[in-house]
C-alpha atoms as a PDB file:
ATOM      1  CA  MET A   1     120.796 113.345 106.982  1.00  0.00           C
ATOM      2  CA  GLN A   2     120.245 116.541 108.915  1.00  0.00           C
ATOM      3  CA  GLN A   3     116.729 117.933 108.856  1.00  0.00           C
ATOM      4  CA  SER A   4     117.132 121.274 110.589  1.00  0.00           C
ATOM      5  CA  SER A   5     119.709 124.042 110.835  1.00  0.00           C
ATOM      6  CA  ASP A   6     118.874 124.464 114.560  1.00  0.00           C
ATOM      7  CA  LYS A   7     121.713 123.250 116.752  1.00  0.00           C
ATOM      8  CA  PRO A   8     120.613 120.387 119.042  1.00  0.00           C
ATOM      9  CA  VAL A   9     121.527 120.581 122.726  1.00  0.00           C
ATOM     10  CA  VAL A  10     122.941 117.037 122.604  1.00  0.00           C
ATOM     11  CA  SER A  11     124.220 114.855 119.774  1.00  0.00           C
ATOM     12  CA  PRO A  12     121.254 113.263 117.943  1.00  0.00           C
ATOM     13  CA  TYR A  13     123.415 110.185 117.381  1.00  0.00           C
ATOM     14  CA  LEU A  14     123.878 109.648 121.121  1.00  0.00           C
ATOM     15  CA  VAL A  15     120.137 109.992 121.646  1.00  0.00           C
ATOM     16  CA  LEU A  16     119.549 107.571 118.751  1.00  0.00           C
ATOM     17  CA  ILE A  17     121.780 104.948 120.399  1.00  0.00           C
ATOM     18  CA  PHE A  18     120.053 105.375 123.765  1.00  0.00           C
ATOM     19  CA  SER A  19     116.619 105.182 122.128  1.00  0.00           C
ATOM     20  CA  VAL A  20     117.456 101.969 120.286  1.00  0.00           C
ATOM     21  CA  LEU A  21     118.607 100.400 123.558  1.00  0.00           C
ATOM     22  CA  ALA A  22     115.286 101.393 125.140  1.00  0.00           C
ATOM     23  CA  ILE A  23     113.286 100.066 122.179  1.00  0.00           C
ATOM     24  CA  SER A  24     115.152  96.761 122.474  1.00  0.00           C
ATOM     25  CA  THR A  25     113.145  96.032 125.638  1.00  0.00           C
ATOM     26  CA  SER A  26     109.853  95.989 123.713  1.00  0.00           C
ATOM     27  CA  ALA A  27     109.852  92.346 122.575  1.00  0.00           C
ATOM     28  CA  ILE A  28     110.876  91.252 126.085  1.00  0.00           C
ATOM     29  CA  PHE A  29     107.881  92.919 127.747  1.00  0.00           C
ATOM     30  CA  VAL A  30     105.474  91.764 125.030  1.00  0.00           C
ATOM     31  CA  LYS A  31     106.683  88.196 125.510  1.00  0.00           C
ATOM     32  CA  LEU A  32     106.236  88.441 129.294  1.00  0.00           C
ATOM     33  CA  SER A  33     102.607  89.596 128.958  1.00  0.00           C
ATOM     34  CA  ASP A  34      99.842  87.097 128.203  1.00  0.00           C
ATOM     35  CA  ALA A  35      97.207  89.730 127.319  1.00  0.00           C
ATOM     36  CA  PRO A  36      95.803  89.910 123.751  1.00  0.00           C
ATOM     37  CA  ALA A  37      98.077  91.750 121.316  1.00  0.00           C
ATOM     38  CA  PRO A  38      95.611  94.640 120.678  1.00  0.00           C
ATOM     39  CA  ILE A  39      95.273  95.236 124.430  1.00  0.00           C
ATOM     40  CA  ILE A  40      99.043  95.299 124.901  1.00  0.00           C
ATOM     41  CA  ALA A  41      99.325  97.837 122.080  1.00  0.00           C
ATOM     42  CA  THR A  42      96.450  99.924 123.451  1.00  0.00           C
ATOM     43  CA  TYR A  43      97.741 100.317 126.979  1.00  0.00           C
ATOM     44  CA  ARG A  44     101.292 100.863 125.796  1.00  0.00           C
ATOM     45  CA  LEU A  45     100.050 104.017 124.046  1.00  0.00           C
ATOM     46  CA  VAL A  46      97.392 104.987 126.606  1.00  0.00           C
ATOM     47  CA  PHE A  47      99.924 104.946 129.442  1.00  0.00           C
ATOM     48  CA  SER A  48     102.432 106.790 127.254  1.00  0.00           C
ATOM     49  CA  ALA A  49      99.906 109.549 126.528  1.00  0.00           C
ATOM     50  CA  VAL A  50      98.847 109.761 130.190  1.00  0.00           C
ATOM     51  CA  LEU A  51     102.457 110.016 131.366  1.00  0.00           C
ATOM     52  CA  THR A  52     103.167 112.722 128.776  1.00  0.00           C
ATOM     53  CA  LEU A  53     100.032 114.784 129.474  1.00  0.00           C
ATOM     54  CA  PRO A  54     101.118 116.341 132.833  1.00  0.00           C
ATOM     55  CA  LEU A  55     104.053 117.997 131.087  1.00  0.00           C
ATOM     56  CA  LEU A  56     101.527 120.375 129.506  1.00  0.00           C
ATOM     57  CA  PHE A  57     101.433 122.249 132.818  1.00  0.00           C
ATOM     58  CA  TRP A  58     105.165 122.977 132.524  1.00  0.00           C
ATOM     59  CA  ASN A  59     105.091 123.676 128.797  1.00  0.00           C
ATOM     60  CA  ARG A  60     102.689 126.556 128.233  1.00  0.00           C
ATOM     61  CA  GLY A  61     103.991 127.067 124.733  1.00  0.00           C
ATOM     62  CA  ALA A  62     102.581 123.675 123.778  1.00  0.00           C
ATOM     63  CA  TRP A  63      99.026 124.892 124.460  1.00  0.00           C
ATOM     64  CA  LYS A  64      99.510 127.754 122.012  1.00  0.00           C
ATOM     65  CA  GLU A  65     101.165 125.483 119.467  1.00  0.00           C
ATOM     66  CA  ILE A  66      98.302 122.975 119.628  1.00  0.00           C
ATOM     67  CA  GLY A  67      95.800 125.806 119.276  1.00  0.00           C
ATOM     68  CA  ARG A  68      97.585 127.090 116.152  1.00  0.00           C
ATOM     69  CA  MET A  69      97.720 123.710 114.421  1.00  0.00           C
ATOM     70  CA  SER A  70      96.071 123.746 111.002  1.00  0.00           C
ATOM     71  CA  LYS A  71      93.627 121.156 109.667  1.00  0.00           C
ATOM     72  CA  LYS A  72      96.457 119.739 107.579  1.00  0.00           C
ATOM     73  CA  ALA A  73      98.641 119.311 110.663  1.00  0.00           C
ATOM     74  CA  TRP A  74      95.825 117.563 112.531  1.00  0.00           C
ATOM     75  CA  GLY A  75      95.159 115.348 109.544  1.00  0.00           C
ATOM     76  CA  LEU A  76      98.808 114.348 109.305  1.00  0.00           C
ATOM     77  CA  CYS A  77      98.944 113.661 113.052  1.00  0.00           C
ATOM     78  CA  ILE A  78      95.927 111.373 112.698  1.00  0.00           C
ATOM     79  CA  LEU A  79      97.642 109.648 109.766  1.00  0.00           C
ATOM     80  CA  SER A  80     100.812 109.254 111.826  1.00  0.00           C
ATOM     81  CA  GLY A  81      98.763 107.814 114.688  1.00  0.00           C
ATOM     82  CA  ALA A  82      97.055 105.384 112.316  1.00  0.00           C
ATOM     83  CA  PHE A  83     100.434 104.190 111.049  1.00  0.00           C
ATOM     84  CA  LEU A  84     101.738 103.740 114.607  1.00  0.00           C
ATOM     85  CA  ALA A  85      98.594 101.918 115.755  1.00  0.00           C
ATOM     86  CA  SER A  86      98.764  99.601 112.745  1.00  0.00           C
ATOM     87  CA  HIS A  87     102.439  98.934 113.400  1.00  0.00           C
ATOM     88  CA  PHE A  88     101.869  97.797 116.968  1.00  0.00           C
ATOM     89  CA  LEU A  89      98.792  95.729 116.094  1.00  0.00           C
ATOM     90  CA  LEU A  90     100.561  93.955 113.246  1.00  0.00           C
ATOM     91  CA  TRP A  91     103.823  93.367 115.077  1.00  0.00           C
ATOM     92  CA  PHE A  92     102.351  92.224 118.401  1.00  0.00           C
ATOM     93  CA  GLU A  93      99.956  89.902 116.558  1.00  0.00           C
ATOM     94  CA  SER A  94     102.839  88.458 114.542  1.00  0.00           C
ATOM     95  CA  LEU A  95     104.456  87.286 117.793  1.00  0.00           C
ATOM     96  CA  ASN A  96     101.517  84.898 118.237  1.00  0.00           C
ATOM     97  CA  TYR A  97     102.335  83.082 114.995  1.00  0.00           C
ATOM     98  CA  THR A  98     106.084  83.194 114.441  1.00  0.00           C
ATOM     99  CA  SER A  99     109.260  83.221 116.503  1.00  0.00           C
ATOM    100  CA  VAL A 100     110.443  86.326 118.357  1.00  0.00           C
ATOM    101  CA  ALA A 101     113.643  86.313 116.291  1.00  0.00           C
ATOM    102  CA  SER A 102     111.817  86.135 112.960  1.00  0.00           C
ATOM    103  CA  SER A 103     109.295  88.788 113.961  1.00  0.00           C
ATOM    104  CA  THR A 104     111.864  91.222 115.369  1.00  0.00           C
ATOM    105  CA  VAL A 105     114.152  90.942 112.348  1.00  0.00           C
ATOM    106  CA  LEU A 106     111.341  91.384 109.820  1.00  0.00           C
ATOM    107  CA  VAL A 107     109.774  94.342 111.630  1.00  0.00           C
ATOM    108  CA  THR A 108     113.146  96.108 111.714  1.00  0.00           C
ATOM    109  CA  LEU A 109     113.606  95.891 107.942  1.00  0.00           C
ATOM    110  CA  GLN A 110     112.449  99.499 107.859  1.00  0.00           C
ATOM    111  CA  PRO A 111     115.469 100.789 105.888  1.00  0.00           C
ATOM    112  CA  LEU A 112     114.241  98.934 102.785  1.00  0.00           C
ATOM    113  CA  PHE A 113     111.071 101.020 102.803  1.00  0.00           C
ATOM    114  CA  ALA A 114     112.762 104.147 104.184  1.00  0.00           C
ATOM    115  CA  PHE A 115     115.158 104.184 101.205  1.00  0.00           C
ATOM    116  CA  ILE A 116     112.151 104.198  98.860  1.00  0.00           C
ATOM    117  CA  GLY A 117     110.064 106.666 100.873  1.00  0.00           C
ATOM    118  CA  GLY A 118     112.971 109.049 101.401  1.00  0.00           C
ATOM    119  CA  TYR A 119     113.725 109.059  97.683  1.00  0.00           C
ATOM    120  CA  PHE A 120     110.156 109.737  96.521  1.00  0.00           C
ATOM    121  CA  PHE A 121     108.955 112.074  99.283  1.00  0.00           C
ATOM    122  CA  PHE A 122     112.133 113.960 100.253  1.00  0.00           C
ATOM    123  CA  GLN A 123     114.393 113.530  97.188  1.00  0.00           C
ATOM    124  CA  GLU A 124     117.038 111.953  99.436  1.00  0.00           C
ATOM    125  CA  ARG A 125     120.184 110.454  97.958  1.00  0.00           C
ATOM    126  CA  ILE A 126     122.347 107.841  99.647  1.00  0.00           C
ATOM    127  CA  ARG A 127     126.034 107.490  98.888  1.00  0.00           C
ATOM    128  CA  PRO A 128     127.214 104.083  97.584  1.00  0.00           C
ATOM    129  CA  LEU A 129     129.283 103.147 100.650  1.00  0.00           C
ATOM    130  CA  ALA A 130     126.442 104.194 102.954  1.00  0.00           C
ATOM    131  CA  LEU A 131     124.062 102.038 100.916  1.00  0.00           C
ATOM    132  CA  LEU A 132     126.513  99.135 101.224  1.00  0.00           C
ATOM    133  CA  GLY A 133     126.480  99.614 104.981  1.00  0.00           C
ATOM    134  CA  GLY A 134     122.687  99.554 104.988  1.00  0.00           C
ATOM    135  CA  ILE A 135     122.534  96.349 102.967  1.00  0.00           C
ATOM    136  CA  SER A 136     125.179  94.767 105.213  1.00  0.00           C
ATOM    137  CA  ALA A 137     123.213  95.628 108.349  1.00  0.00           C
ATOM    138  CA  ILE A 138     120.050  94.130 106.857  1.00  0.00           C
ATOM    139  CA  ALA A 139     122.002  90.978 105.968  1.00  0.00           C
ATOM    140  CA  GLY A 140     123.241  90.828 109.556  1.00  0.00           C
ATOM    141  CA  SER A 141     119.633  90.803 110.756  1.00  0.00           C
ATOM    142  CA  PHE A 142     118.945  87.699 108.709  1.00  0.00           C
ATOM    143  CA  VAL A 143     122.091  86.027 110.064  1.00  0.00           C
ATOM    144  CA  ILE A 144     120.759  86.544 113.605  1.00  0.00           C
ATOM    145  CA  ALA A 145     117.420  84.898 112.846  1.00  0.00           C
ATOM    146  CA  TRP A 146     118.576  82.311 110.309  1.00  0.00           C
ATOM    147  CA  GLY A 147     118.184  79.330 112.637  1.00  0.00           C
ATOM    148  CA  ASP A 148     114.826  80.548 113.952  1.00  0.00           C
ATOM    149  CA  PHE A 149     113.046  81.369 110.705  1.00  0.00           C
ATOM    150  CA  GLN A 150     109.979  79.235 110.232  1.00  0.00           C
ATOM    151  CA  ILE A 151     108.425  78.718 106.819  1.00  0.00           C
ATOM    152  CA  GLY A 152     104.884  77.691 106.010  1.00  0.00           C
ATOM    153  CA  GLY A 153     101.634  77.471 107.937  1.00  0.00           C
ATOM    154  CA  MET A 154     100.833  80.050 110.590  1.00  0.00           C
ATOM    155  CA  ALA A 155     104.502  81.039 110.878  1.00  0.00           C
ATOM    156  CA  LEU A 156     104.310  82.458 107.365  1.00  0.00           C
ATOM    157  CA  LEU A 157     101.293  84.543 108.401  1.00  0.00           C
ATOM    158  CA  GLY A 158     103.276  85.867 111.358  1.00  0.00           C
ATOM    159  CA  ASP A 159     106.200  86.761 109.103  1.00  0.00           C
ATOM    160  CA  ILE A 160     103.863  88.637 106.733  1.00  0.00           C
ATOM    161  CA  LEU A 161     102.310  90.552 109.640  1.00  0.00           C
ATOM    162  CA  ALA A 162     105.763  91.524 110.911  1.00  0.00           C
ATOM    163  CA  LEU A 163     106.820  92.723 107.458  1.00  0.00           C
ATOM    164  CA  LEU A 164     103.649  94.817 107.176  1.00  0.00           C
ATOM    165  CA  GLY A 165     104.541  96.200 110.599  1.00  0.00           C
ATOM    166  CA  ALA A 166     107.819  97.409 109.095  1.00  0.00           C
ATOM    167  CA  VAL A 167     105.926  99.143 106.275  1.00  0.00           C
ATOM    168  CA  THR A 168     103.528 100.942 108.618  1.00  0.00           C
ATOM    169  CA  VAL A 169     106.176 102.117 111.081  1.00  0.00           C
ATOM    170  CA  THR A 170     108.172 103.507 108.150  1.00  0.00           C
ATOM    171  CA  GLY A 171     105.070 105.498 107.214  1.00  0.00           C
ATOM    172  CA  TYR A 172     104.955 106.764 110.793  1.00  0.00           C
ATOM    173  CA  TRP A 173     108.573 107.953 110.634  1.00  0.00           C
ATOM    174  CA  LEU A 174     108.153 109.567 107.200  1.00  0.00           C
ATOM    175  CA  VAL A 175     105.126 111.581 108.346  1.00  0.00           C
ATOM    176  CA  GLY A 176     106.996 112.479 111.522  1.00  0.00           C
ATOM    177  CA  GLN A 177     110.016 113.599 109.505  1.00  0.00           C
ATOM    178  CA  PHE A 178     107.812 116.195 107.809  1.00  0.00           C
ATOM    179  CA  LEU A 179     105.773 117.254 110.851  1.00  0.00           C
ATOM    180  CA  ARG A 180     108.796 117.698 113.117  1.00  0.00           C
ATOM    181  CA  GLN A 181     110.020 120.520 110.891  1.00  0.00           C
ATOM    182  CA  HIS A 182     106.935 122.449 112.013  1.00  0.00           C
ATOM    183  CA  LEU A 183     105.924 121.090 115.440  1.00  0.00           C
ATOM    184  CA  SER A 184     107.903 120.751 118.656  1.00  0.00           C
ATOM    185  CA  SER A 185     108.818 117.256 119.810  1.00  0.00           C
ATOM    186  CA  PHE A 186     106.498 117.489 122.818  1.00  0.00           C
ATOM    187  CA  THR A 187     103.462 118.674 120.855  1.00  0.00           C
ATOM    188  CA  TYR A 188     103.948 116.123 118.099  1.00  0.00           C
ATOM    189  CA  THR A 189     104.473 113.273 120.570  1.00  0.00           C
ATOM    190  CA  LEU A 190     101.473 114.143 122.750  1.00  0.00           C
ATOM    191  CA  VAL A 191      99.061 114.616 119.852  1.00  0.00           C
ATOM    192  CA  VAL A 192     100.158 111.475 117.998  1.00  0.00           C
ATOM    193  CA  TYR A 193     100.139 109.277 121.113  1.00  0.00           C
ATOM    194  CA  THR A 194      96.659 110.534 121.965  1.00  0.00           C
ATOM    195  CA  MET A 195      95.393 109.861 118.437  1.00  0.00           C
ATOM    196  CA  THR A 196      96.983 106.407 118.443  1.00  0.00           C
ATOM    197  CA  SER A 197      95.404 105.589 121.814  1.00  0.00           C
ATOM    198  CA  LEU A 198      91.937 106.589 120.611  1.00  0.00           C
ATOM    199  CA  LEU A 199      92.300 104.548 117.428  1.00  0.00           C
ATOM    200  CA  LEU A 200      93.441 101.478 119.367  1.00  0.00           C
ATOM    201  CA  ILE A 201      90.628 101.789 121.920  1.00  0.00           C
ATOM    202  CA  GLY A 202      88.146 102.018 119.043  1.00  0.00           C
ATOM    203  CA  TYR A 203      89.691  98.916 117.477  1.00  0.00           C
ATOM    204  CA  ASP A 204      89.350  96.998 120.765  1.00  0.00           C
ATOM    205  CA  LEU A 205      85.719  98.012 121.226  1.00  0.00           C
ATOM    206  CA  VAL A 206      84.734  97.090 117.665  1.00  0.00           C
ATOM    207  CA  LEU A 207      86.342  93.637 117.914  1.00  0.00           C
ATOM    208  CA  GLY A 208      85.111  93.016 121.455  1.00  0.00           C
ATOM    209  CA  TYR A 209      88.395  92.937 123.360  1.00  0.00           C
ATOM    210  CA  PRO A 210      87.735  93.679 127.064  1.00  0.00           C
ATOM    211  CA  LEU A 211      89.554  96.770 128.310  1.00  0.00           C
ATOM    212  CA  VAL A 212      89.666  95.563 131.927  1.00  0.00           C
ATOM    213  CA  GLY A 213      90.083  92.322 133.832  1.00  0.00           C
ATOM    214  CA  TYR A 214      93.817  91.755 133.380  1.00  0.00           C
ATOM    215  CA  SER A 215      96.236  90.633 136.071  1.00  0.00           C
ATOM    216  CA  ALA A 216      98.392  93.034 138.072  1.00  0.00           C
ATOM    217  CA  GLU A 217     101.412  91.504 136.372  1.00  0.00           C
ATOM    218  CA  ASN A 218     100.037  92.425 132.952  1.00  0.00           C
ATOM    219  CA  TRP A 219      99.336  95.991 134.052  1.00  0.00           C
ATOM    220  CA  GLY A 220     102.962  96.162 135.150  1.00  0.00           C
ATOM    221  CA  TRP A 221     104.168  95.032 131.725  1.00  0.00           C
ATOM    222  CA  PHE A 222     101.862  97.584 130.052  1.00  0.00           C
ATOM    223  CA  PHE A 223     103.451 100.318 132.159  1.00  0.00           C
ATOM    224  CA  CYS A 224     106.962  99.090 131.368  1.00  0.00           C
ATOM    225  CA  LEU A 225     106.142  99.122 127.647  1.00  0.00           C
ATOM    226  CA  ALA A 226     105.005 102.726 127.967  1.00  0.00           C
ATOM    227  CA  LEU A 227     107.981 103.877 130.027  1.00  0.00           C
ATOM    228  CA  PHE A 228     110.942 102.181 128.367  1.00  0.00           C
ATOM    229  CA  PRO A 229     110.479 101.438 124.629  1.00  0.00           C
ATOM    230  CA  THR A 230     107.904 104.202 124.100  1.00  0.00           C
ATOM    231  CA  LEU A 231     108.744 107.250 126.232  1.00  0.00           C
ATOM    232  CA  LEU A 232     112.491 106.554 126.382  1.00  0.00           C
ATOM    233  CA  GLY A 233     112.537 105.069 122.886  1.00  0.00           C
ATOM    234  CA  HIS A 234     109.986 106.347 120.377  1.00  0.00           C
ATOM    235  CA  SER A 235     109.490 109.700 122.121  1.00  0.00           C
ATOM    236  CA  LEU A 236     113.194 110.505 122.006  1.00  0.00           C
ATOM    237  CA  LEU A 237     113.288 109.447 118.360  1.00  0.00           C
ATOM    238  CA  ASN A 238     110.487 111.957 117.738  1.00  0.00           C
ATOM    239  CA  TRP A 239     112.971 114.564 118.975  1.00  0.00           C
ATOM    240  CA  VAL A 240     115.847 113.096 116.944  1.00  0.00           C
ATOM    241  CA  ILE A 241     113.903 113.052 113.672  1.00  0.00           C
ATOM    242  CA  LYS A 242     114.160 116.844 113.434  1.00  0.00           C
ATOM    243  CA  TRP A 243     117.889 116.403 112.781  1.00  0.00           C
ATOM    244  CA  LEU A 244     118.200 112.863 111.390  1.00  0.00           C
ATOM    245  CA  ASN A 245     116.022 111.536 108.591  1.00  0.00           C
ATOM    246  CA  THR A 246     113.833 108.433 108.501  1.00  0.00           C
ATOM    247  CA  THR A 247     116.486 106.356 106.737  1.00  0.00           C
ATOM    248  CA  THR A 248     119.106 107.096 109.403  1.00  0.00           C
ATOM    249  CA  ILE A 249     116.702 106.358 112.249  1.00  0.00           C
ATOM    250  CA  SER A 250     115.529 103.124 110.638  1.00  0.00           C
ATOM    251  CA  MET A 251     119.164 102.115 110.177  1.00  0.00           C
ATOM    252  CA  GLY A 252     119.743 102.698 113.881  1.00  0.00           C
ATOM    253  CA  ILE A 253     116.693 100.602 114.753  1.00  0.00           C
ATOM    254  CA  LEU A 254     118.355  97.687 112.953  1.00  0.00           C
ATOM    255  CA  GLY A 255     120.391  97.434 116.137  1.00  0.00           C
ATOM    256  CA  GLU A 256     117.235  96.456 118.042  1.00  0.00           C
ATOM    257  CA  PRO A 257     117.647  92.673 117.489  1.00  0.00           C
ATOM    258  CA  VAL A 258     121.160  92.943 118.939  1.00  0.00           C
ATOM    259  CA  GLY A 259     119.909  94.724 122.048  1.00  0.00           C
ATOM    260  CA  THR A 260     116.967  92.333 122.358  1.00  0.00           C
ATOM    261  CA  ALA A 261     119.266  89.296 122.197  1.00  0.00           C
ATOM    262  CA  ILE A 262     121.469  90.727 124.958  1.00  0.00           C
ATOM    263  CA  LEU A 263     118.477  91.596 127.151  1.00  0.00           C
ATOM    264  CA  ALA A 264     116.926  88.168 126.538  1.00  0.00           C
ATOM    265  CA  TYR A 265     120.175  86.652 127.796  1.00  0.00           C
ATOM    266  CA  ILE A 266     120.198  88.830 130.926  1.00  0.00           C
ATOM    267  CA  ILE A 267     116.467  88.839 131.764  1.00  0.00           C
ATOM    268  CA  LEU A 268     115.091  85.618 130.281  1.00  0.00           C
ATOM    269  CA  GLY A 269     118.219  83.513 130.490  1.00  0.00           C
ATOM    270  CA  GLU A 270     118.198  82.810 126.755  1.00  0.00           C
ATOM    271  CA  THR A 271     121.451  81.728 125.124  1.00  0.00           C
ATOM    272  CA  VAL A 272     123.222  84.088 122.736  1.00  0.00           C
ATOM    273  CA  THR A 273     124.085  81.872 119.772  1.00  0.00           C
ATOM    274  CA  LEU A 274     127.051  82.118 117.432  1.00  0.00           C
ATOM    275  CA  PRO A 275     124.856  83.406 114.544  1.00  0.00           C
ATOM    276  CA  GLN A 276     123.574  86.133 116.885  1.00  0.00           C
ATOM    277  CA  TRP A 277     127.125  87.200 117.739  1.00  0.00           C
ATOM    278  CA  ILE A 278     128.171  87.184 114.079  1.00  0.00           C
ATOM    279  CA  GLY A 279     124.984  88.889 112.891  1.00  0.00           C
ATOM    280  CA  GLY A 280     125.267  91.490 115.638  1.00  0.00           C
ATOM    281  CA  LEU A 281     128.793  92.404 114.601  1.00  0.00           C
ATOM    282  CA  ILE A 282     127.708  92.640 110.944  1.00  0.00           C
ATOM    283  CA  ILE A 283     124.792  94.898 111.906  1.00  0.00           C
ATOM    284  CA  LEU A 284     126.962  97.208 114.003  1.00  0.00           C
ATOM    285  CA  GLY A 285     129.575  97.370 111.238  1.00  0.00           C
ATOM    286  CA  GLY A 286     126.903  98.132 108.644  1.00  0.00           C
ATOM    287  CA  ILE A 287     125.388 100.878 110.783  1.00  0.00           C
ATOM    288  CA  TYR A 288     128.842 102.416 111.257  1.00  0.00           C
ATOM    289  CA  LEU A 289     129.457 102.384 107.489  1.00  0.00           C
ATOM    290  CA  PHE A 290     126.085 104.003 106.839  1.00  0.00           C
ATOM    291  CA  ILE A 291     126.597 106.812 109.343  1.00  0.00           C
ATOM    292  CA  ARG A 292     130.249 107.307 108.403  1.00  0.00           C
ATOM    293  CA  PHE A 293     129.650 107.688 104.660  1.00  0.00           C
ATOM    294  CA  ASN A 294     126.245 109.366 104.675  1.00  0.00           C
ATOM    295  CA  GLN A 295     127.608 112.601 106.138  1.00  0.00           C
ATOM    296  CA  PRO A 296     126.813 116.086 104.737  1.00  0.00           C
ATOM    297  CA  SER A 297     128.506 116.980 101.473  1.00  0.00           C
ATOM    298  CA  ALA A 298     131.113 119.715 101.004  1.00  0.00           C
ATOM    299  CA  LYS A 299     128.382 122.227 100.289  1.00  0.00           C
ATOM    300  CA  GLY A 300     126.893 121.625 103.715  1.00  0.00           C
ATOM    301  CA  VAL A 301     123.849 119.845 102.362  1.00  0.00           C
ATOM    302  CA  SER A 302     123.288 116.325 103.519  1.00  0.00           C
ATOM    303  CA  PRO A 303     122.502 113.593 101.008  1.00  0.00           C
ATOM    304  CA  GLY A 304     119.505 112.857 103.172  1.00  0.00           C
ATOM    305  CA  GLU A 305     118.274 116.395 103.656  1.00  0.00           C
ATOM    306  CA  PRO A 306     114.793 117.009 102.255  1.00  0.00           C
ATOM    307  CA  ALA A 307     114.989 119.747  99.672  1.00  0.00           C
ATOM    308  CA  SER A 308     111.510 120.941 100.451  1.00  0.00           C
ATOM    309  CA  ALA A 309     111.760 121.164 104.250  1.00  0.00           C
ATOM    310  CA  THR A 310     112.282 124.903 104.446  1.00  0.00           C
ATOM    311  CA  ALA A 311     109.985 125.739 101.573  1.00  0.00           C
ATOM    312  CA  THR A 312     107.065 123.872 103.116  1.00  0.00           C
ATOM    313  CA  THR A 313     107.361 125.260 106.642  1.00  0.00           C
ATOM    314  CA  LYS A 314     104.684 127.887 106.159  1.00  0.00           C
ATOM    315  CA  LYS A 315     102.231 125.493 104.532  1.00  0.00           C
ATOM    316  CA  LEU A 316     101.426 123.791 107.841  1.00  0.00           C
ATOM    317  CA  THR A 317     100.511 126.897 109.819  1.00  0.00           C
END
């Protein structure tokens, strides 16, 4: 599970929990905004990049690091940005066709793809009990949304878009897992957010979505999306991914539907149903099993540690 021998200043697991809570606000803010999905995605990333940019003046080392980035590093950052842009476009658009519960559960099925990607790209192995925990948590997600799943018609299209959103965000985390062994969290976050913003703006211009003319309320939701689920969510996970692999992070994100249900109850006045309580407990239990039994082995090498991380460090500079 651990990606680096450097000792973190704070427990990555605590940061993971905090980040998931922050990410849980995403669906709430998207639901509150009535702007087109691509515009919501665009300004979420544009504001995130703009809010991150001033930190360059306090982080002189980042200038040097950006200047030393190789063509391969830039290419991978663009790829990461493309994955992130696609994720937001697909997921936000899915909310126009299917229920929030269905969309949120399907887009958080990232562990299914992280298991596969981690195995093929990083030679990661998952212990049986940890795998059982992962499967249990995924099952808990379906319990939460069981009564809200819609089948057929446009709802099916929304479900497909949400599932594709899970695939693309897994690609984003896998690329980030590699790049964060070579780039600082700040540099990686700033470059990727900037690339994602440019790609989304280009998408809006090509398809004719107006970049201005939205209500003050919408601009407020755009800012909230940048501040809470992005800067306090995704950005912190970009720091965490140096020590925890994609599979572990995606397992943590399975807790998002639980957080979203609680926030929907507090903010939107939505009822927390019995299936949501049961599914939430199953998810939390599954996540605990995964983390508990996917710990480093006796030799000090984690089952999730990429064998090639150290060997490839010099290839990116």
